């Protein structure tokens, strides 16, 4: 049985597979930033009553399976997470306390797909993302 969630007047099951990249697809998600970014993203999702059910940070992109209540749109939540995470990264890693104009960690767009009966497939895909990328690189499909 699905793990339905409730709001005051509704029951819901809304999960999305979301992927986005850093600006210019630079490989910036590594080291200490990678260790801290996961907790930052989880906390920001909680602020919008969302749950990141599965996630993986690659050096040049982010994969997540996120549960979003129907009172929020996907674009609202992802825009909030990307914007606020940029500010937190600027504060924690670059010592900025204000004037964040011009700070861009993430590229403008993102990919989102609804997850229905294929939830287990999407979870497995996200978990094994790193090994699949290595396999494709060895085959010469990625550079």
Protein backbone atom coordinates (compact mmCIF):
# COMPACT_ATOMS: atom_id res chain seq x y z
CA UNK A 1 0.00 0.00 0.00
CA UNK A 2 1.22 3.49 -0.80
CA UNK A 3 2.32 5.79 2.00
CA UNK A 4 -0.35 8.44 1.52
CA UNK A 5 0.11 11.70 3.38
CA UNK A 6 -2.55 14.04 4.68
CA UNK A 7 -3.29 17.71 4.81
CA UNK A 8 -6.36 19.09 6.57
CA UNK A 9 -8.76 18.34 3.73
CA UNK A 10 -6.90 15.96 1.44
CA UNK A 11 -4.91 12.77 1.14
CA UNK A 12 -2.07 12.83 -1.34
CA UNK A 13 0.80 10.90 -2.90
CA UNK A 14 2.88 13.26 -5.06
CA UNK A 15 6.48 12.27 -5.72
CA UNK A 16 8.82 13.68 -8.34
CA UNK A 17 12.19 12.73 -9.79
CA UNK A 18 14.08 16.02 -10.05
CA UNK A 19 17.50 16.72 -11.57
CA UNK A 20 19.39 20.00 -11.86
CA UNK A 21 22.92 21.12 -12.62
CA UNK A 22 25.40 23.73 -11.34
CA UNK A 23 25.91 26.84 -13.44
CA UNK A 24 27.89 26.04 -16.60
CA UNK A 25 27.82 22.39 -15.47
CA UNK A 26 30.99 23.03 -13.50
CA UNK A 27 32.07 20.15 -11.30
CA UNK A 28 31.68 22.05 -8.03
CA UNK A 29 29.85 19.48 -5.90
CA UNK A 30 32.76 17.73 -4.21
CA UNK A 31 34.68 17.61 -0.94
CA UNK A 32 33.33 19.57 2.01
CA UNK A 33 30.59 21.19 -0.09
CA UNK A 34 29.22 17.77 -1.01
CA UNK A 35 29.15 16.70 2.64
CA UNK A 36 27.22 19.79 3.74
CA UNK A 37 24.95 20.22 0.71
CA UNK A 38 22.88 17.12 1.48
CA UNK A 39 21.85 18.40 4.91
CA UNK A 40 21.20 21.89 3.48
CA UNK A 41 18.87 20.49 0.81
CA UNK A 42 17.02 18.29 3.34
CA UNK A 43 16.47 21.21 5.71
CA UNK A 44 15.21 23.50 2.94
CA UNK A 45 12.80 20.80 1.74
CA UNK A 46 11.46 20.43 5.31
CA UNK A 47 10.77 24.17 5.41
CA UNK A 48 8.31 23.64 2.52
CA UNK A 49 6.79 20.50 4.13
CA UNK A 50 8.56 18.32 1.55
CA UNK A 51 10.60 15.17 2.08
CA UNK A 52 13.64 14.18 0.04
CA UNK A 53 13.10 10.44 -0.05
CA UNK A 54 16.18 9.56 -2.10
CA UNK A 55 19.02 11.72 -3.36
CA UNK A 56 22.47 11.62 -4.85
CA UNK A 57 24.97 14.42 -5.39
CA UNK A 58 27.19 13.97 -8.41
CA UNK A 59 30.08 16.39 -9.13
CA UNK A 60 28.05 18.07 -11.88
CA UNK A 61 24.38 17.40 -11.06
CA UNK A 62 21.86 16.63 -8.34
CA UNK A 63 19.32 13.77 -8.43
CA UNK A 64 16.48 13.51 -5.96
CA UNK A 65 13.18 11.78 -5.36
CA UNK A 66 11.11 14.36 -3.52
CA UNK A 67 7.64 14.25 -2.06
CA UNK A 68 5.87 17.62 -2.52
CA UNK A 69 2.44 18.44 -1.04
CA UNK A 70 -0.17 19.46 -3.65
CA UNK A 71 -0.50 22.93 -2.13
CA UNK A 72 2.95 23.77 -3.58
CA UNK A 73 3.97 23.61 -7.21
CA UNK A 74 7.15 21.80 -8.20
CA UNK A 75 8.60 25.05 -9.55
CA UNK A 76 7.95 26.86 -6.22
CA UNK A 77 9.73 24.18 -4.20
CA UNK A 78 12.69 23.69 -6.54
CA UNK A 79 13.12 27.46 -6.97
CA UNK A 80 13.11 27.87 -3.18
CA UNK A 81 15.60 25.04 -2.63
CA UNK A 82 17.98 26.23 -5.36
CA UNK A 83 17.83 29.89 -4.32
CA UNK A 84 18.20 29.39 -0.59
CA UNK A 85 20.90 26.74 -0.97
CA UNK A 86 22.95 29.20 -3.03
CA UNK A 87 22.71 31.74 -0.19
CA UNK A 88 23.65 29.16 2.46
CA UNK A 89 26.63 27.93 0.42
CA UNK A 90 27.80 31.54 -0.06
CA UNK A 91 27.57 32.10 3.70
CA UNK A 92 29.21 28.86 4.82
CA UNK A 93 31.89 28.40 2.20
CA UNK A 94 32.64 31.87 0.85
CA UNK A 95 32.19 33.95 4.00
CA UNK A 96 29.52 36.26 2.55
CA UNK A 97 26.95 37.56 4.99
CA UNK A 98 24.88 39.72 2.64
CA UNK A 99 24.71 41.17 -0.88
CA UNK A 100 24.19 37.88 -2.68
CA UNK A 101 23.38 39.56 -5.99
CA UNK A 102 25.29 37.83 -8.73
CA UNK A 103 25.94 34.63 -6.78
CA UNK A 104 24.92 31.76 -8.97
CA UNK A 105 25.53 28.18 -7.93
CA UNK A 106 22.78 26.52 -10.00
CA UNK A 107 21.79 26.80 -13.65
CA UNK A 108 18.30 28.18 -14.34
CA UNK A 109 16.42 25.06 -15.34
CA UNK A 110 15.71 21.63 -13.94
CA UNK A 111 14.19 18.32 -15.00
CA UNK A 112 11.10 17.00 -13.19
CA UNK A 113 9.14 13.82 -13.76
CA UNK A 114 6.24 12.41 -11.80
CA UNK A 115 6.83 9.10 -10.09
CA UNK A 116 3.96 6.67 -9.99
CA UNK A 117 4.24 2.93 -10.21
CA UNK A 118 7.92 3.22 -11.18
CA UNK A 119 9.06 4.52 -7.79
CA UNK A 120 11.34 1.55 -7.08
CA UNK A 121 12.96 1.91 -10.51
CA UNK A 122 13.61 5.61 -9.92
CA UNK A 123 15.02 4.91 -6.43
CA UNK A 124 17.41 2.30 -7.85
CA UNK A 125 18.44 4.66 -10.67
CA UNK A 126 19.28 7.43 -8.19
CA UNK A 127 21.18 5.06 -5.86
CA UNK A 128 23.31 3.64 -8.67
CA UNK A 129 23.83 6.89 -10.58
CA UNK A 130 27.56 7.06 -9.91
CA UNK A 131 28.32 3.51 -11.08
CA UNK A 132 26.20 4.00 -14.22
CA UNK A 133 28.08 7.20 -15.10
CA UNK A 134 31.43 5.41 -14.70
CA UNK A 135 30.21 2.56 -16.90
CA UNK A 136 29.13 4.98 -19.64
CA UNK A 137 32.47 6.82 -19.43
CA UNK A 138 34.35 3.53 -19.87
CA UNK A 139 32.23 2.74 -22.93
CA UNK A 140 33.18 6.14 -24.38
CA UNK A 141 29.65 7.54 -24.33
CA UNK A 142 30.45 10.44 -21.96
CA UNK A 143 33.44 12.69 -22.01
